[in-house]
Amino acid sequence: MRASGIAIGGLAFMAVGLALAVLLAGRGLDYFFLERARLRLEPVFDRVFREANAALPQAGTPRLVIFGDSRAVQLRLDAPKGWQRVERAISGETTAQMRYRIAQDVVGLAPRAVVLFAGINDLVAAAALPGQAHAGLDATVANLTDFVRQARAAGIEVVLLTIVRPAAVRLIRWPIWPAGVAELVAAANVRLRALAGPGVTVIDADAMLSGGAAVLPARFATDEVHLSDEANAALRRAILAALPAD
């Protein structure tokens, strides 16, 4: 009986220890995620393409710039025949960070058109930071609106993709994934769709892929925010159809 009691006590002690370890790990991950969210609002990559920009030919074929975050990188969009493709997207970046490089990485390159695909990182960060959700939403829309304004002022045709909502959150990310990201995405997209006009084509990537579902269907996702090959193929077709014809 005594041995049995010791065994039960040992198991209880282990259970408490495990629960405490999970709690502390969760808090550590939460702290890491919050710090990462804060860093995403600071400029970090404003000079990464400086040498590549200087090496581009000054005149010649029409130029297509792809500008945004990892979703733009993963598009793997080829320029139309006779165009020059210039990728100026950086994985993990927010529109808050892109503000510091749009002048040299888009406007200064004098492209015929620019594809803008960004915003999800801002909204995840905004949802994670206490009290920053609505301010982050407003800032994200304001940044994308300003990108469109700067491009149009320079005579650049704009193809803007709406922000695609997250997929279902994996179990491993439950402790740190912020609530309310999908709602921020929906609110941002209402305002982004309104930017369509002369020289500005808005592709509703979110509606195209989600079909109105609460989360992005699994077939179109590789994790919470990154898109599958099937999703990117559909977006490429829509983008190429929207580019101006020369």
C-alpha atoms as a PDB file:
ATOM      1  CA  MET A   1       0.000   0.000   0.000  1.00  0.00           C
ATOM      2  CA  ARG A   2       2.804   2.358   0.925  1.00  0.00           C
ATOM      3  CA  ALA A   3       4.587   1.682  -2.367  1.00  0.00           C
ATOM      4  CA  SER A   4       1.347   2.286  -4.232  1.00  0.00           C
ATOM      5  CA  GLY A   5       0.864   5.586  -2.418  1.00  0.00           C
ATOM      6  CA  ILE A   6       4.396   6.650  -3.242  1.00  0.00           C
ATOM      7  CA  ALA A   7       3.832   5.790  -6.902  1.00  0.00           C
ATOM      8  CA  ILE A   8       0.602   7.780  -7.018  1.00  0.00           C
ATOM      9  CA  GLY A   9       2.277  10.689  -5.283  1.00  0.00           C
ATOM     10  CA  GLY A  10       5.136  10.524  -7.746  1.00  0.00           C
ATOM     11  CA  LEU A  11       2.760  10.570 -10.687  1.00  0.00           C
ATOM     12  CA  ALA A  12       0.903  13.524  -9.205  1.00  0.00           C
ATOM     13  CA  PHE A  13       4.182  15.376  -8.703  1.00  0.00           C
ATOM     14  CA  MET A  14       5.181  14.648 -12.300  1.00  0.00           C
ATOM     15  CA  ALA A  15       1.801  15.847 -13.552  1.00  0.00           C
ATOM     16  CA  VAL A  16       2.119  19.111 -11.627  1.00  0.00           C
ATOM     17  CA  GLY A  17       5.660  19.533 -12.899  1.00  0.00           C
ATOM     18  CA  LEU A  18       4.581  18.905 -16.468  1.00  0.00           C
ATOM     19  CA  ALA A  19       1.702  21.370 -16.172  1.00  0.00           C
ATOM     20  CA  LEU A  20       4.069  23.988 -14.747  1.00  0.00           C
ATOM     21  CA  ALA A  21       6.569  23.364 -17.536  1.00  0.00           C
ATOM     22  CA  VAL A  22       3.842  23.764 -20.161  1.00  0.00           C
ATOM     23  CA  LEU A  23       2.652  26.972 -18.494  1.00  0.00           C
ATOM     24  CA  LEU A  24       6.146  28.437 -18.360  1.00  0.00           C
ATOM     25  CA  ALA A  25       6.864  27.359 -21.930  1.00  0.00           C
ATOM     26  CA  GLY A  26       3.612  28.939 -23.044  1.00  0.00           C
ATOM     27  CA  ARG A  27       4.512  32.187 -21.323  1.00  0.00           C
ATOM     28  CA  GLY A  28       7.962  32.071 -22.863  1.00  0.00           C
ATOM     29  CA  LEU A  29       6.522  31.509 -26.316  1.00  0.00           C
ATOM     30  CA  ASP A  30       3.991  34.259 -25.711  1.00  0.00           C
ATOM     31  CA  TYR A  31       6.778  36.673 -24.750  1.00  0.00           C
ATOM     32  CA  PHE A  32       8.777  35.642 -27.823  1.00  0.00           C
ATOM     33  CA  PHE A  33       5.744  36.130 -30.063  1.00  0.00           C
ATOM     34  CA  LEU A  34       5.007  39.574 -28.603  1.00  0.00           C
ATOM     35  CA  GLU A  35       8.608  40.688 -29.050  1.00  0.00           C
ATOM     36  CA  ARG A  36       8.565  39.386 -32.601  1.00  0.00           C
ATOM     37  CA  ALA A  37       5.335  41.291 -33.238  1.00  0.00           C
ATOM     38  CA  ARG A  38       6.897  44.521 -31.956  1.00  0.00           C
ATOM     39  CA  LEU A  39       9.991  44.039 -34.111  1.00  0.00           C
ATOM     40  CA  ARG A  40       7.809  43.603 -37.169  1.00  0.00           C
ATOM     41  CA  LEU A  41       6.771  47.222 -36.834  1.00  0.00           C
ATOM     42  CA  GLU A  42      10.365  48.489 -37.043  1.00  0.00           C
ATOM     43  CA  PRO A  43      12.293  49.182 -40.275  1.00  0.00           C
ATOM     44  CA  VAL A  44      14.937  46.543 -40.926  1.00  0.00           C
ATOM     45  CA  PHE A  45      15.378  45.770 -44.619  1.00  0.00           C
ATOM     46  CA  ASP A  46      15.328  49.186 -46.277  1.00  0.00           C
ATOM     47  CA  ARG A  47      18.662  48.707 -48.119  1.00  0.00           C
ATOM     48  CA  VAL A  48      18.666  45.029 -49.027  1.00  0.00           C
ATOM     49  CA  PHE A  49      18.034  45.633 -52.747  1.00  0.00           C
ATOM     50  CA  ARG A  50      20.247  48.702 -53.166  1.00  0.00           C
ATOM     51  CA  GLU A  51      22.937  46.999 -55.258  1.00  0.00           C
ATOM     52  CA  ALA A  52      20.425  44.969 -57.264  1.00  0.00           C
ATOM     53  CA  ASN A  53      18.466  48.123 -58.075  1.00  0.00           C
ATOM     54  CA  ALA A  54      21.598  49.911 -59.251  1.00  0.00           C
ATOM     55  CA  ALA A  55      22.444  46.987 -61.537  1.00  0.00           C
ATOM     56  CA  LEU A  56      19.104  47.035 -63.375  1.00  0.00           C
ATOM     57  CA  PRO A  57      19.128  48.361 -66.953  1.00  0.00           C
ATOM     58  CA  GLN A  58      17.891  51.941 -67.098  1.00  0.00           C
ATOM     59  CA  ALA A  59      15.639  51.555 -70.125  1.00  0.00           C
ATOM     60  CA  GLY A  60      14.225  48.940 -72.431  1.00  0.00           C
ATOM     61  CA  THR A  61      11.480  46.396 -71.866  1.00  0.00           C
ATOM     62  CA  PRO A  62       8.494  47.070 -69.593  1.00  0.00           C
ATOM     63  CA  ARG A  63       9.224  46.198 -65.989  1.00  0.00           C
ATOM     64  CA  LEU A  64       6.985  44.333 -63.532  1.00  0.00           C
ATOM     65  CA  VAL A  65       7.782  44.712 -59.824  1.00  0.00           C
ATOM     66  CA  ILE A  66       6.432  42.244 -57.261  1.00  0.00           C
ATOM     67  CA  PHE A  67       6.328  43.953 -53.867  1.00  0.00           C
ATOM     68  CA  GLY A  68       5.238  42.507 -50.543  1.00  0.00           C
ATOM     69  CA  ASP A  69       5.944  39.810 -47.971  1.00  0.00           C
ATOM     70  CA  SER A  70       6.430  36.020 -48.096  1.00  0.00           C
ATOM     71  CA  ARG A  71       3.128  35.591 -49.875  1.00  0.00           C
ATOM     72  CA  ALA A  72       4.459  37.759 -52.692  1.00  0.00           C
ATOM     73  CA  VAL A  73       7.724  35.792 -52.693  1.00  0.00           C
ATOM     74  CA  GLN A  74       5.860  32.501 -52.954  1.00  0.00           C
ATOM     75  CA  LEU A  75       3.743  33.657 -55.879  1.00  0.00           C
ATOM     76  CA  ARG A  76       6.685  32.852 -58.178  1.00  0.00           C
ATOM     77  CA  LEU A  77       5.045  35.106 -60.719  1.00  0.00           C
ATOM     78  CA  ASP A  78       6.606  35.233 -64.170  1.00  0.00           C
ATOM     79  CA  ALA A  79       6.344  38.467 -66.108  1.00  0.00           C
ATOM     80  CA  PRO A  80       4.408  38.487 -69.381  1.00  0.00           C
ATOM     81  CA  LYS A  81       6.407  37.848 -72.533  1.00  0.00           C
ATOM     82  CA  GLY A  82       8.559  40.842 -73.336  1.00  0.00           C
ATOM     83  CA  TRP A  83       8.493  42.164 -69.760  1.00  0.00           C
ATOM     84  CA  GLN A  84      11.245  42.224 -67.161  1.00  0.00           C
ATOM     85  CA  ARG A  85      10.352  40.665 -63.798  1.00  0.00           C
ATOM     86  CA  VAL A  86      11.803  42.346 -60.694  1.00  0.00           C
ATOM     87  CA  GLU A  87      10.999  40.778 -57.329  1.00  0.00           C
ATOM     88  CA  ARG A  88      11.219  43.143 -54.383  1.00  0.00           C
ATOM     89  CA  ALA A  89       9.361  41.106 -51.771  1.00  0.00           C
ATOM     90  CA  ILE A  90      10.796  40.128 -48.373  1.00  0.00           C
ATOM     91  CA  SER A  91       9.499  37.279 -46.234  1.00  0.00           C
ATOM     92  CA  GLY A  92       8.237  38.275 -42.805  1.00  0.00           C
ATOM     93  CA  GLU A  93       7.999  41.968 -43.601  1.00  0.00           C
ATOM     94  CA  THR A  94       5.119  44.235 -42.644  1.00  0.00           C
ATOM     95  CA  THR A  95       3.754  47.193 -44.572  1.00  0.00           C
ATOM     96  CA  ALA A  96       5.126  49.324 -41.726  1.00  0.00           C
ATOM     97  CA  GLN A  97       8.599  48.182 -42.777  1.00  0.00           C
ATOM     98  CA  MET A  98       7.859  48.410 -46.506  1.00  0.00           C
ATOM     99  CA  ARG A  99       7.153  52.131 -46.120  1.00  0.00           C
ATOM    100  CA  TYR A 100      10.902  52.662 -45.787  1.00  0.00           C
ATOM    101  CA  ARG A 101      11.738  51.070 -49.116  1.00  0.00           C
ATOM    102  CA  ILE A 102       8.841  51.565 -51.527  1.00  0.00           C
ATOM    103  CA  ALA A 103      10.452  54.696 -52.957  1.00  0.00           C
ATOM    104  CA  GLN A 104      13.609  52.896 -54.069  1.00  0.00           C
ATOM    105  CA  ASP A 105      12.210  49.392 -54.593  1.00  0.00           C
ATOM    106  CA  VAL A 106       9.096  50.335 -56.573  1.00  0.00           C
ATOM    107  CA  VAL A 107       8.737  53.974 -57.597  1.00  0.00           C
ATOM    108  CA  GLY A 108      12.429  54.494 -58.285  1.00  0.00           C
ATOM    109  CA  LEU A 109      12.510  51.503 -60.641  1.00  0.00           C
ATOM    110  CA  ALA A 110       9.885  53.084 -62.933  1.00  0.00           C
ATOM    111  CA  PRO A 111       8.019  49.844 -63.664  1.00  0.00           C
ATOM    112  CA  ARG A 112       5.099  49.540 -66.051  1.00  0.00           C
ATOM    113  CA  ALA A 113       3.171  47.789 -63.277  1.00  0.00           C
ATOM    114  CA  VAL A 114       3.515  46.674 -59.670  1.00  0.00           C
ATOM    115  CA  VAL A 115       1.868  43.755 -57.893  1.00  0.00           C
ATOM    116  CA  LEU A 116       1.194  44.499 -54.209  1.00  0.00           C
ATOM    117  CA  PHE A 117       0.568  41.541 -51.902  1.00  0.00           C
ATOM    118  CA  ALA A 118       1.065  42.331 -48.221  1.00  0.00           C
ATOM    119  CA  GLY A 119      -0.610  43.057 -44.903  1.00  0.00           C
ATOM    120  CA  ILE A 120      -1.076  39.736 -43.125  1.00  0.00           C
ATOM    121  CA  ASN A 121       2.041  40.157 -40.974  1.00  0.00           C
ATOM    122  CA  ASP A 122       0.849  43.578 -39.803  1.00  0.00           C
ATOM    123  CA  LEU A 123      -2.523  42.225 -38.761  1.00  0.00           C
ATOM    124  CA  VAL A 124      -1.099  39.222 -36.911  1.00  0.00           C
ATOM    125  CA  ALA A 125       1.232  41.582 -35.039  1.00  0.00           C
ATOM    126  CA  ALA A 126      -1.587  44.046 -34.336  1.00  0.00           C
ATOM    127  CA  ALA A 127      -3.817  41.305 -32.942  1.00  0.00           C
ATOM    128  CA  ALA A 128      -0.977  40.044 -30.733  1.00  0.00           C
ATOM    129  CA  LEU A 129      -0.068  43.392 -29.180  1.00  0.00           C
ATOM    130  CA  PRO A 130      -2.428  44.449 -26.375  1.00  0.00           C
ATOM    131  CA  GLY A 131      -4.672  47.328 -27.373  1.00  0.00           C
ATOM    132  CA  GLN A 132      -3.174  47.666 -30.862  1.00  0.00           C
ATOM    133  CA  ALA A 133      -5.707  45.828 -33.012  1.00  0.00           C
ATOM    134  CA  HIS A 134      -7.646  48.789 -34.388  1.00  0.00           C
ATOM    135  CA  ALA A 135      -4.608  51.054 -34.681  1.00  0.00           C
ATOM    136  CA  GLY A 136      -2.764  48.280 -36.499  1.00  0.00           C
ATOM    137  CA  LEU A 137      -5.691  47.772 -38.850  1.00  0.00           C
ATOM    138  CA  ASP A 138      -5.842  51.478 -39.681  1.00  0.00           C
ATOM    139  CA  ALA A 139      -2.078  51.677 -40.193  1.00  0.00           C
ATOM    140  CA  THR A 140      -2.039  48.653 -42.501  1.00  0.00           C
ATOM    141  CA  VAL A 141      -4.788  50.036 -44.719  1.00  0.00           C
ATOM    142  CA  ALA A 142      -3.176  53.484 -44.673  1.00  0.00           C
ATOM    143  CA  ASN A 143       0.182  52.041 -45.742  1.00  0.00           C
ATOM    144  CA  LEU A 144      -1.279  50.021 -48.609  1.00  0.00           C
ATOM    145  CA  THR A 145      -3.358  53.007 -49.686  1.00  0.00           C
ATOM    146  CA  ASP A 146      -0.229  55.148 -49.714  1.00  0.00           C
ATOM    147  CA  PHE A 147       1.648  52.538 -51.757  1.00  0.00           C
ATOM    148  CA  VAL A 148      -1.120  52.693 -54.345  1.00  0.00           C
ATOM    149  CA  ARG A 149      -1.081  56.495 -54.276  1.00  0.00           C
ATOM    150  CA  GLN A 150       2.685  56.699 -54.771  1.00  0.00           C
ATOM    151  CA  ALA A 151       2.612  54.213 -57.623  1.00  0.00           C
ATOM    152  CA  ARG A 152      -0.213  55.970 -59.443  1.00  0.00           C
ATOM    153  CA  ALA A 153       1.434  59.374 -58.984  1.00  0.00           C
ATOM    154  CA  ALA A 154       4.435  57.928 -60.829  1.00  0.00           C
ATOM    155  CA  GLY A 155       2.251  56.538 -63.626  1.00  0.00           C
ATOM    156  CA  ILE A 156       2.613  52.923 -62.494  1.00  0.00           C
ATOM    157  CA  GLU A 157      -0.274  50.507 -63.008  1.00  0.00           C
ATOM    158  CA  VAL A 158      -1.209  48.755 -59.768  1.00  0.00           C
ATOM    159  CA  VAL A 159      -2.477  45.234 -59.158  1.00  0.00           C
ATOM    160  CA  LEU A 160      -3.414  45.008 -55.482  1.00  0.00           C
ATOM    161  CA  LEU A 161      -4.357  41.708 -53.851  1.00  0.00           C
ATOM    162  CA  THR A 162      -6.589  41.682 -50.814  1.00  0.00           C
ATOM    163  CA  ILE A 163      -5.268  40.062 -47.639  1.00  0.00           C
ATOM    164  CA  VAL A 164      -6.020  36.346 -47.493  1.00  0.00           C
ATOM    165  CA  ARG A 165      -7.449  35.186 -44.159  1.00  0.00           C
ATOM    166  CA  PRO A 166      -5.500  32.649 -42.071  1.00  0.00           C
ATOM    167  CA  ALA A 167      -6.068  28.912 -42.252  1.00  0.00           C
ATOM    168  CA  ALA A 168      -7.030  26.855 -39.202  1.00  0.00           C
ATOM    169  CA  VAL A 169      -4.524  27.282 -36.386  1.00  0.00           C
ATOM    170  CA  ARG A 170      -2.351  24.239 -35.747  1.00  0.00           C
ATOM    171  CA  LEU A 171      -2.272  22.792 -32.248  1.00  0.00           C
ATOM    172  CA  ILE A 172       1.369  23.754 -31.799  1.00  0.00           C
ATOM    173  CA  ARG A 173       0.495  27.437 -32.295  1.00  0.00           C
ATOM    174  CA  TRP A 174      -2.641  27.581 -30.170  1.00  0.00           C
ATOM    175  CA  PRO A 175      -0.819  28.977 -27.101  1.00  0.00           C
ATOM    176  CA  ILE A 176       0.546  31.976 -29.022  1.00  0.00           C
ATOM    177  CA  TRP A 177      -1.805  32.607 -31.933  1.00  0.00           C
ATOM    178  CA  PRO A 178      -3.692  35.874 -31.286  1.00  0.00           C
ATOM    179  CA  ALA A 179      -7.462  36.038 -31.432  1.00  0.00           C
ATOM    180  CA  GLY A 180      -9.182  38.304 -33.920  1.00  0.00           C
ATOM    181  CA  VAL A 181      -6.837  38.089 -36.917  1.00  0.00           C
ATOM    182  CA  ALA A 182      -9.583  36.947 -39.297  1.00  0.00           C
ATOM    183  CA  GLU A 183     -11.820  39.823 -38.203  1.00  0.00           C
ATOM    184  CA  LEU A 184      -9.035  42.330 -38.856  1.00  0.00           C
ATOM    185  CA  VAL A 185      -8.460  40.806 -42.295  1.00  0.00           C
ATOM    186  CA  ALA A 186     -12.152  41.108 -43.163  1.00  0.00           C
ATOM    187  CA  ALA A 187     -12.273  44.740 -42.023  1.00  0.00           C
ATOM    188  CA  ALA A 188      -9.116  45.634 -43.952  1.00  0.00           C
ATOM    189  CA  ASN A 189     -10.366  44.030 -47.146  1.00  0.00           C
ATOM    190  CA  VAL A 190     -13.561  46.075 -47.158  1.00  0.00           C
ATOM    191  CA  ARG A 191     -11.407  49.177 -47.390  1.00  0.00           C
ATOM    192  CA  LEU A 192      -8.869  47.726 -49.805  1.00  0.00           C
ATOM    193  CA  ARG A 193     -11.555  46.746 -52.312  1.00  0.00           C
ATOM    194  CA  ALA A 194     -12.610  50.390 -52.415  1.00  0.00           C
ATOM    195  CA  LEU A 195      -9.199  51.363 -53.841  1.00  0.00           C
ATOM    196  CA  ALA A 196     -10.086  49.952 -57.263  1.00  0.00           C
ATOM    197  CA  GLY A 197     -10.213  52.620 -59.933  1.00  0.00           C
ATOM    198  CA  PRO A 198      -8.354  53.953 -62.971  1.00  0.00           C
ATOM    199  CA  GLY A 199      -4.966  52.277 -63.086  1.00  0.00           C
ATOM    200  CA  VAL A 200      -5.712  50.203 -59.976  1.00  0.00           C
ATOM    201  CA  THR A 201      -6.994  46.641 -60.242  1.00  0.00           C
ATOM    202  CA  VAL A 202      -7.956  44.975 -56.972  1.00  0.00           C
ATOM    203  CA  ILE A 203      -7.928  41.183 -57.059  1.00  0.00           C
ATOM    204  CA  ASP A 204     -10.002  39.839 -54.193  1.00  0.00           C
ATOM    205  CA  ALA A 205      -7.590  37.048 -53.338  1.00  0.00           C
ATOM    206  CA  ASP A 206      -9.322  36.415 -50.020  1.00  0.00           C
ATOM    207  CA  ALA A 207     -12.746  35.856 -51.554  1.00  0.00           C
ATOM    208  CA  MET A 208     -11.263  33.833 -54.412  1.00  0.00           C
ATOM    209  CA  LEU A 209      -9.535  31.376 -52.095  1.00  0.00           C
ATOM    210  CA  SER A 210     -11.729  31.311 -48.992  1.00  0.00           C
ATOM    211  CA  GLY A 211     -15.086  31.195 -50.731  1.00  0.00           C
ATOM    212  CA  GLY A 212     -16.580  32.897 -47.688  1.00  0.00           C
ATOM    213  CA  ALA A 213     -15.400  30.215 -45.234  1.00  0.00           C
ATOM    214  CA  ALA A 214     -14.381  31.281 -41.732  1.00  0.00           C
ATOM    215  CA  VAL A 215     -10.827  30.065 -42.340  1.00  0.00           C
ATOM    216  CA  LEU A 216      -8.788  29.465 -45.470  1.00  0.00           C
ATOM    217  CA  PRO A 217      -9.502  25.932 -46.760  1.00  0.00           C
ATOM    218  CA  ALA A 218      -6.687  23.480 -46.060  1.00  0.00           C
ATOM    219  CA  ARG A 219      -6.089  22.799 -49.762  1.00  0.00           C
ATOM    220  CA  PHE A 220      -4.995  26.405 -50.196  1.00  0.00           C
ATOM    221  CA  ALA A 221      -2.668  26.577 -47.174  1.00  0.00           C
ATOM    222  CA  THR A 222       0.642  25.150 -45.988  1.00  0.00           C
ATOM    223  CA  ASP A 223       0.289  26.688 -42.514  1.00  0.00           C
ATOM    224  CA  GLU A 224      -1.688  29.521 -40.918  1.00  0.00           C
ATOM    225  CA  VAL A 225      -0.557  32.256 -43.305  1.00  0.00           C
ATOM    226  CA  HIS A 226       1.315  30.691 -46.227  1.00  0.00           C
ATOM    227  CA  LEU A 227      -0.426  29.586 -49.388  1.00  0.00           C
ATOM    228  CA  SER A 228      -0.235  26.290 -51.245  1.00  0.00           C
ATOM    229  CA  ASP A 229       0.935  25.770 -54.812  1.00  0.00           C
ATOM    230  CA  GLU A 230      -2.681  25.417 -55.904  1.00  0.00           C
ATOM    231  CA  ALA A 231      -3.590  28.754 -54.333  1.00  0.00           C
ATOM    232  CA  ASN A 232      -0.600  30.517 -55.859  1.00  0.00           C
ATOM    233  CA  ALA A 233      -1.354  29.085 -59.292  1.00  0.00           C
ATOM    234  CA  ALA A 234      -4.881  30.513 -59.130  1.00  0.00           C
ATOM    235  CA  LEU A 235      -3.541  33.904 -58.053  1.00  0.00           C
ATOM    236  CA  ARG A 236      -0.938  33.937 -60.824  1.00  0.00           C
ATOM    237  CA  ARG A 237      -3.629  33.403 -63.437  1.00  0.00           C
ATOM    238  CA  ALA A 238      -5.701  36.249 -62.023  1.00  0.00           C
ATOM    239  CA  ILE A 239      -2.720  38.607 -61.849  1.00  0.00           C
ATOM    240  CA  LEU A 240      -1.548  37.932 -65.392  1.00  0.00           C
ATOM    241  CA  ALA A 241      -5.072  38.552 -66.666  1.00  0.00           C
ATOM    242  CA  ALA A 242      -5.152  41.886 -64.813  1.00  0.00           C
ATOM    243  CA  LEU A 243      -1.841  43.277 -66.065  1.00  0.00           C
ATOM    244  CA  PRO A 244      -2.031  46.028 -68.677  1.00  0.00           C
ATOM    245  CA  ALA A 245      -1.603  44.914 -72.266  1.00  0.00           C
ATOM    246  CA  ASP A 246       1.152  46.565 -74.276  1.00  0.00           C
END
